[in-house]
Amino acid sequence: FGDHGHIGDTGQISGVFRQVCNKHNGELDVHVSAVEVLEQGRGLSAEVDMTLVYEGFALLVLAALMTLLGSTQASAQAYIWGDATYVYPDGSRHPIKIRLEIMSSEVKWVRLASVLDSNSERCNCIETAENEEVMSHGGNPLDCEIIVPEYYKEYKIKAVGEYAFAKCAAKVTLPETVTDIEDYAFADYYYSGYGLTLPSKVRFLGKFAFYNTYFQSLSLNANLQNIGDFAFKNCRNLRELIVPKSVFFIGKAITVGCNNLERLEVESGCANYSTPAGSNVIMETKSKTIIAGCKNSLITSEAYRIGEQAFCDIALSNTTLI
């Protein structure tokens, strides 16, 4: 037999091939009639060709250097500064820099990305140092607007990354190219002068996406599919939330702390969720579990159970069970 240090015998096997063998239940087989050794096995030399070793080592080092160089270049090119528009109260428009993260250089798309402030804490995508001159002459930020374009050069802006507009005070207008709003994207967003309308192609809202925001209304788009855990936690000014029928997943406790929420409803025709008539709750239809409520919620006979934190930090104005 051959092994690491030997070459085994070379042999020849003769036999009769049967497509249907009567002796073996009609199976296909070969009946061996003779076995012959044509060449005896032998041992192999243990000598090592050092030239091959050196060449292999050189290739390994070269591959490592290329990987390191590629990683460095990718890291250096992962973030770029794009352009957005900053609108003053008088209507005048001024360019400002926004930070973008390249997610795919082949497909050419980017997401809005947060930056680190002087305390190494994640801040929004508009670094103050880069835009100080523009923003300092615009008056009260609450009266200003940031308009994000659909493209920066050849890159499509498709996502609002984590903390991209955290603690932002100006009105934000997102482009129709955005499909994903990621975890904490608008955390502590304290512009309260308008109701936010999501772009029509948004399909994903991450966890805590609108945590502790100040707007009074939020229009969810008809193509939305996923709402993450605690998506609207502590939105204390929010008065109304209508979930479109396109949504197939809703995380837990999405309205926790929304203690001024008066109307909560799922559009009829939603596959997985519903709102019993007059109840102002979100109920998982199959399990009949209430997963979110508001201060005007009623627990109807259609509900079988109340889910985790469905009414957490919400003062019910009417606790009637009907």
Protein backbone atom coordinates (compact mmCIF):
# COMPACT_ATOMS: atom_id res chain seq x y z
CA PHE A 1 0.00 0.00 0.00
CA GLY A 2 1.16 3.53 -0.66
CA ASP A 3 1.61 6.09 2.05
CA HIS A 4 3.45 9.37 2.68
CA GLY A 5 6.86 7.74 2.14
CA HIS A 6 6.05 5.07 -0.44
CA ILE A 7 4.50 4.48 -3.82
CA GLY A 8 2.25 1.41 -3.79
CA ASP A 9 2.14 -1.46 -6.28
CA THR A 10 0.76 -0.81 -9.75
CA GLY A 11 -1.70 -3.55 -10.68
CA GLN A 12 -4.17 -4.74 -13.28
CA ILE A 13 -7.58 -6.24 -12.52
CA SER A 14 -9.44 -8.31 -15.15
CA GLY A 15 -13.09 -9.31 -14.94
CA VAL A 16 -16.50 -9.53 -16.52
CA PHE A 17 -18.81 -6.54 -16.47
CA ARG A 18 -22.50 -7.34 -15.98
CA GLN A 19 -25.12 -4.70 -16.40
CA VAL A 20 -27.68 -6.97 -14.74
CA CYS A 21 -26.22 -9.62 -12.42
CA ASN A 22 -28.47 -12.60 -11.60
CA LYS A 23 -26.35 -13.48 -8.56
CA HIS A 24 -26.73 -10.05 -7.02
CA ASN A 25 -30.41 -9.25 -7.47
CA GLY A 26 -30.00 -7.67 -10.86
CA GLU A 27 -27.42 -5.10 -9.72
CA LEU A 28 -24.71 -3.67 -12.00
CA ASP A 29 -21.29 -5.19 -11.08
CA VAL A 30 -17.93 -6.62 -12.23
CA HIS A 31 -16.90 -10.22 -11.47
CA VAL A 32 -13.09 -10.28 -11.08
CA SER A 33 -11.29 -13.14 -12.80
CA ALA A 34 -7.60 -12.15 -12.33
CA VAL A 35 -5.37 -9.73 -10.41
CA GLU A 36 -1.84 -9.00 -11.65
CA VAL A 37 0.96 -6.83 -10.20
CA LEU A 38 2.58 -4.89 -13.03
CA GLU A 39 5.12 -2.92 -10.97
CA GLN A 40 6.30 -3.33 -7.41
CA GLY A 41 5.97 -0.38 -5.02
CA ARG A 42 9.01 1.51 -3.77
CA GLY A 43 10.10 3.99 -1.13
CA LEU A 44 10.37 7.72 -1.82
CA SER A 45 13.39 9.90 -1.23
CA ALA A 46 13.12 12.06 1.88
CA GLU A 47 15.17 14.83 0.32
CA VAL A 48 13.47 18.22 0.19
CA ASP A 49 13.95 20.56 -2.73
CA MET A 50 14.82 23.75 -0.84
CA THR A 51 14.32 25.81 -3.97
CA LEU A 52 10.63 24.97 -3.86
CA VAL A 53 10.53 25.77 -0.15
CA TYR A 54 12.08 29.21 -0.69
CA GLU A 55 9.76 29.94 -3.59
CA GLY A 56 6.73 28.93 -1.54
CA PHE A 57 7.82 31.09 1.39
CA ALA A 58 8.37 34.07 -0.91
CA LEU A 59 4.88 33.67 -2.38
CA LEU A 60 3.41 33.48 1.13
CA VAL A 61 5.12 36.72 2.15
CA LEU A 62 3.99 38.41 -1.06
CA ALA A 63 0.39 37.31 -0.49
CA ALA A 64 0.49 38.64 3.08
CA LEU A 65 1.83 42.00 1.91
CA MET A 66 -0.82 42.28 -0.78
CA THR A 67 -3.56 41.46 1.74
CA LEU A 68 -2.22 44.07 4.15
CA LEU A 69 -1.93 46.68 1.41
CA GLY A 70 -5.44 45.94 0.17
CA SER A 71 -6.84 46.17 3.68
CA THR A 72 -5.11 49.49 4.27
CA GLN A 73 -6.40 50.90 0.99
CA ALA A 74 -9.92 49.64 1.71
CA SER A 75 -9.82 51.16 5.17
CA ALA A 76 -8.60 54.47 3.80
CA GLN A 77 -11.31 54.47 1.14
CA ALA A 78 -14.16 53.17 3.30
CA TYR A 79 -15.30 56.68 4.26
CA ILE A 80 -15.67 59.70 2.03
CA TRP A 81 -17.05 63.20 2.47
CA GLY A 82 -20.08 63.89 0.32
CA ASP A 83 -22.19 66.98 -0.21
CA ALA A 84 -25.62 67.89 1.12
CA THR A 85 -27.60 71.13 1.12
CA TYR A 86 -28.18 73.29 4.18
CA VAL A 87 -31.17 75.60 3.83
CA TYR A 88 -31.34 78.77 5.93
CA PRO A 89 -34.66 80.20 7.22
CA ASP A 90 -34.54 82.80 4.43
CA GLY A 91 -34.52 80.01 1.84
CA SER A 92 -30.91 80.42 0.78
CA ARG A 93 -29.02 77.18 0.13
CA HIS A 94 -25.45 76.32 1.09
CA PRO A 95 -23.35 73.16 0.59
CA ILE A 96 -22.24 71.21 3.66
CA LYS A 97 -20.18 68.07 4.05
CA ILE A 98 -21.70 64.76 5.16
CA ARG A 99 -19.84 61.58 5.99
CA LEU A 100 -20.53 58.55 3.79
CA GLU A 101 -19.44 54.95 4.17
CA ILE A 102 -18.80 52.98 0.98
CA MET A 103 -20.72 49.72 1.34
CA SER A 104 -20.09 48.37 -2.16
CA SER A 105 -17.61 49.73 -4.64
CA GLU A 106 -18.95 47.34 -7.31
CA VAL A 107 -22.63 48.24 -6.98
CA LYS A 108 -21.70 51.82 -6.04
CA TRP A 109 -23.79 52.50 -2.95
CA VAL A 110 -23.10 54.23 0.34
CA ARG A 111 -24.77 54.95 3.65
CA LEU A 112 -24.77 58.04 5.81
CA ALA A 113 -22.27 57.41 8.60
CA SER A 114 -21.77 58.95 12.03
CA VAL A 115 -18.52 60.55 13.16
CA LEU A 116 -16.77 60.63 16.53
CA ASP A 117 -16.75 63.88 18.49
CA SER A 118 -13.91 65.20 20.68
CA ASN A 119 -15.00 62.82 23.45
CA SER A 120 -14.90 59.81 21.10
CA GLU A 121 -18.69 59.57 21.25
CA ARG A 122 -20.70 58.83 18.12
CA CYS A 123 -22.24 61.95 16.66
CA ASN A 124 -24.24 62.51 13.50
CA CYS A 125 -22.92 62.46 9.95
CA ILE A 126 -22.48 66.24 9.86
CA GLU A 127 -19.22 67.00 11.60
CA THR A 128 -19.40 70.47 13.14
CA ALA A 129 -15.78 71.27 12.38
CA GLU A 130 -16.32 70.61 8.68
CA ASN A 131 -19.42 72.80 8.47
CA GLU A 132 -18.98 75.38 11.22
CA GLU A 133 -18.94 78.40 8.94
CA VAL A 134 -22.16 77.45 7.16
CA MET A 135 -24.08 76.30 10.23
CA SER A 136 -23.03 79.17 12.50
CA HIS A 137 -24.57 81.76 10.14
CA GLY A 138 -27.83 79.93 9.58
CA GLY A 139 -29.65 81.11 12.67
CA ASN A 140 -31.44 78.67 14.93
CA PRO A 141 -30.85 75.12 13.60
CA LEU A 142 -34.49 74.33 14.39
CA ASP A 143 -35.42 76.70 11.56
CA CYS A 144 -33.00 75.14 9.07
CA GLU A 145 -33.18 72.11 6.82
CA ILE A 146 -30.68 69.49 5.66
CA ILE A 147 -31.46 68.02 2.23
CA VAL A 148 -29.64 64.78 1.47
CA PRO A 149 -29.13 64.06 -2.26
CA GLU A 150 -29.89 60.74 -3.97
CA TYR A 151 -26.34 60.40 -5.25
CA TYR A 152 -22.86 61.59 -4.41
CA LYS A 153 -20.90 61.33 -7.64
CA GLU A 154 -21.52 57.75 -8.84
CA TYR A 155 -22.57 56.45 -5.42
CA LYS A 156 -26.24 55.97 -4.57
CA ILE A 157 -27.17 56.90 -0.99
CA LYS A 158 -29.27 53.89 0.12
CA ALA A 159 -29.07 53.77 3.92
CA VAL A 160 -29.09 55.96 7.01
CA GLY A 161 -26.45 54.40 9.23
CA GLU A 162 -26.30 54.12 13.02
CA TYR A 163 -26.46 57.53 14.73
CA ALA A 164 -26.32 59.31 11.36
CA PHE A 165 -28.69 62.02 12.62
CA ALA A 166 -28.27 61.54 16.36
CA LYS A 167 -28.88 64.78 18.30
CA CYS A 168 -29.51 66.64 15.05
CA ALA A 169 -31.59 69.82 15.45
CA ALA A 170 -32.36 70.71 11.83
CA LYS A 171 -35.14 69.33 9.68
CA VAL A 172 -33.87 66.37 7.60
CA THR A 173 -35.18 65.50 4.15
CA LEU A 174 -34.07 62.08 2.94
CA PRO A 175 -33.81 61.05 -0.72
CA GLU A 176 -36.08 58.50 -2.38
CA THR A 177 -33.08 56.19 -2.85
CA VAL A 178 -32.99 55.30 0.88
CA THR A 179 -34.19 51.75 1.67
CA ASP A 180 -32.78 51.15 5.17
CA ILE A 181 -32.85 53.23 8.35
CA GLU A 182 -30.53 51.45 10.75
CA ASP A 183 -30.29 51.11 14.54
CA TYR A 184 -30.31 54.45 16.41
CA ALA A 185 -30.23 56.37 13.11
CA PHE A 186 -32.34 59.25 14.53
CA ALA A 187 -31.65 58.72 18.24
CA ASP A 188 -32.25 61.91 20.25
CA TYR A 189 -33.26 63.75 17.10
CA TYR A 190 -34.82 66.85 18.58
CA TYR A 191 -36.27 68.75 15.66
CA SER A 192 -39.99 69.02 16.47
CA GLY A 193 -41.27 71.48 13.89
CA TYR A 194 -42.78 68.98 11.47
CA GLY A 195 -43.96 65.44 10.96
CA LEU A 196 -41.40 63.09 9.42
CA THR A 197 -42.39 61.24 6.23
CA LEU A 198 -40.28 58.24 5.24
CA PRO A 199 -39.14 57.90 1.62
CA SER A 200 -41.36 55.55 -0.36
CA LYS A 201 -38.70 52.83 -0.80
CA VAL A 202 -37.78 52.38 2.87
CA ARG A 203 -38.25 48.73 3.84
CA PHE A 204 -36.26 48.39 7.05
CA LEU A 205 -36.31 50.26 10.38
CA GLY A 206 -33.66 49.10 12.84
CA LYS A 207 -33.77 48.81 16.62
CA PHE A 208 -34.23 52.14 18.41
CA ALA A 209 -34.30 53.80 14.96
CA PHE A 210 -36.25 56.82 16.28
CA TYR A 211 -35.38 56.56 19.95
CA ASN A 212 -36.27 59.65 21.99
CA THR A 213 -37.16 61.83 19.01
CA TYR A 214 -39.31 64.97 19.26
CA PHE A 215 -41.52 64.95 16.17
CA GLN A 216 -45.29 64.78 16.59
CA SER A 217 -46.19 62.60 13.61
CA LEU A 218 -44.45 59.95 11.58
CA SER A 219 -45.75 58.74 8.22
CA LEU A 220 -44.59 55.18 7.53
CA ASN A 221 -44.34 54.34 3.84
CA ALA A 222 -46.36 51.68 2.03
CA ASN A 223 -43.32 49.50 1.22
CA LEU A 224 -42.08 49.14 4.81
CA GLN A 225 -41.43 45.51 5.79
CA ASN A 226 -39.51 45.43 9.08
CA ILE A 227 -39.81 47.46 12.31
CA GLY A 228 -37.12 46.66 14.87
CA ASP A 229 -37.37 46.37 18.67
CA PHE A 230 -38.02 49.66 20.51
CA ALA A 231 -38.10 51.51 17.18
CA PHE A 232 -40.11 54.45 18.60
CA LYS A 233 -39.14 54.22 22.26
CA ASN A 234 -39.65 57.46 24.21
CA CYS A 235 -41.12 59.40 21.29
CA ARG A 236 -43.08 61.43 23.83
CA ASN A 237 -44.52 63.95 21.36
CA LEU A 238 -45.77 61.33 18.92
CA ARG A 239 -49.58 61.46 18.63
CA GLU A 240 -50.38 58.97 15.88
CA LEU A 241 -48.77 55.86 14.38
CA ILE A 242 -50.30 53.93 11.48
CA VAL A 243 -48.48 50.73 10.47
CA PRO A 244 -48.83 49.91 6.74
CA LYS A 245 -50.15 46.53 5.65
CA SER A 246 -46.84 45.75 3.92
CA VAL A 247 -45.09 45.14 7.27
CA PHE A 248 -44.37 41.45 7.99
CA PHE A 249 -42.23 41.83 11.15
CA ILE A 250 -42.63 44.08 14.18
CA GLY A 251 -40.20 43.85 17.09
CA LYS A 252 -41.07 44.08 20.75
CA ALA A 253 -42.11 47.19 22.67
CA ILE A 254 -41.99 49.56 19.72
CA THR A 255 -44.14 52.17 21.51
CA VAL A 256 -42.64 51.90 25.00
CA GLY A 257 -42.52 55.37 26.59
CA CYS A 258 -44.77 56.95 23.93
CA ASN A 259 -47.05 58.28 26.65
CA ASN A 260 -48.82 60.86 24.43
CA LEU A 261 -49.61 58.42 21.63
CA GLU A 262 -53.37 58.61 21.05
CA ARG A 263 -53.94 56.54 17.91
CA LEU A 264 -52.24 53.25 17.07
CA GLU A 265 -53.40 51.15 14.16
CA VAL A 266 -52.38 48.52 11.62
CA GLU A 267 -53.86 48.91 8.14
CA SER A 268 -56.34 46.20 7.20
CA GLY A 269 -54.93 43.50 4.97
CA CYS A 270 -51.67 43.04 6.89
CA ALA A 271 -50.66 39.35 6.85
CA ASN A 272 -49.24 39.06 10.38
CA TYR A 273 -50.69 41.92 12.44
CA SER A 274 -54.03 43.60 13.01
CA THR A 275 -55.92 46.09 15.15
CA PRO A 276 -59.27 44.94 16.55
CA ALA A 277 -61.92 47.61 15.94
CA GLY A 278 -61.55 50.55 18.30
CA SER A 279 -58.72 48.97 20.28
CA ASN A 280 -55.69 51.15 19.40
CA VAL A 281 -53.31 48.21 19.76
CA ILE A 282 -51.04 46.19 17.51
CA MET A 283 -51.92 42.53 17.78
CA GLU A 284 -50.03 39.58 16.34
CA THR A 285 -52.93 37.98 14.52
CA LYS A 286 -51.97 34.30 14.69
CA SER A 287 -51.15 34.21 18.42
CA LYS A 288 -53.65 36.94 19.34
CA THR A 289 -50.91 38.66 21.33
CA ILE A 290 -50.93 42.41 21.87
CA ILE A 291 -47.37 43.56 21.20
CA ALA A 292 -47.81 47.35 21.39
CA GLY A 293 -50.31 49.80 22.82
CA CYS A 294 -50.95 53.45 23.61
CA LYS A 295 -52.78 55.50 26.23
CA ASN A 296 -56.15 55.04 24.46
CA SER A 297 -55.83 51.27 24.06
CA LEU A 298 -58.70 48.91 24.87
CA ILE A 299 -58.14 45.23 25.58
CA THR A 300 -60.81 43.48 23.53
CA SER A 301 -62.00 39.90 23.70
CA GLU A 302 -60.12 39.14 20.49
CA ALA A 303 -56.80 39.34 22.33
CA TYR A 304 -55.52 36.23 24.09
CA ARG A 305 -52.39 37.59 25.78
CA ILE A 306 -50.35 40.78 26.28
CA GLY A 307 -46.75 40.66 25.06
CA GLU A 308 -43.56 41.80 26.75
CA GLN A 309 -43.50 45.55 27.54
CA ALA A 310 -46.51 46.19 25.31
CA PHE A 311 -47.72 48.94 27.68
CA CYS A 312 -44.43 49.78 29.39
CA ASP A 313 -44.22 53.42 30.51
CA ILE A 314 -47.66 54.21 29.07
CA ALA A 315 -50.38 55.66 31.29
CA LEU A 316 -53.64 54.15 30.03
CA SER A 317 -56.49 56.65 30.02
CA ASN A 318 -59.10 53.90 29.73
CA THR A 319 -58.35 50.46 31.12
CA THR A 320 -61.70 48.94 30.14
CA LEU A 321 -61.67 45.33 29.00
CA ILE A 322 -64.24 44.74 26.28
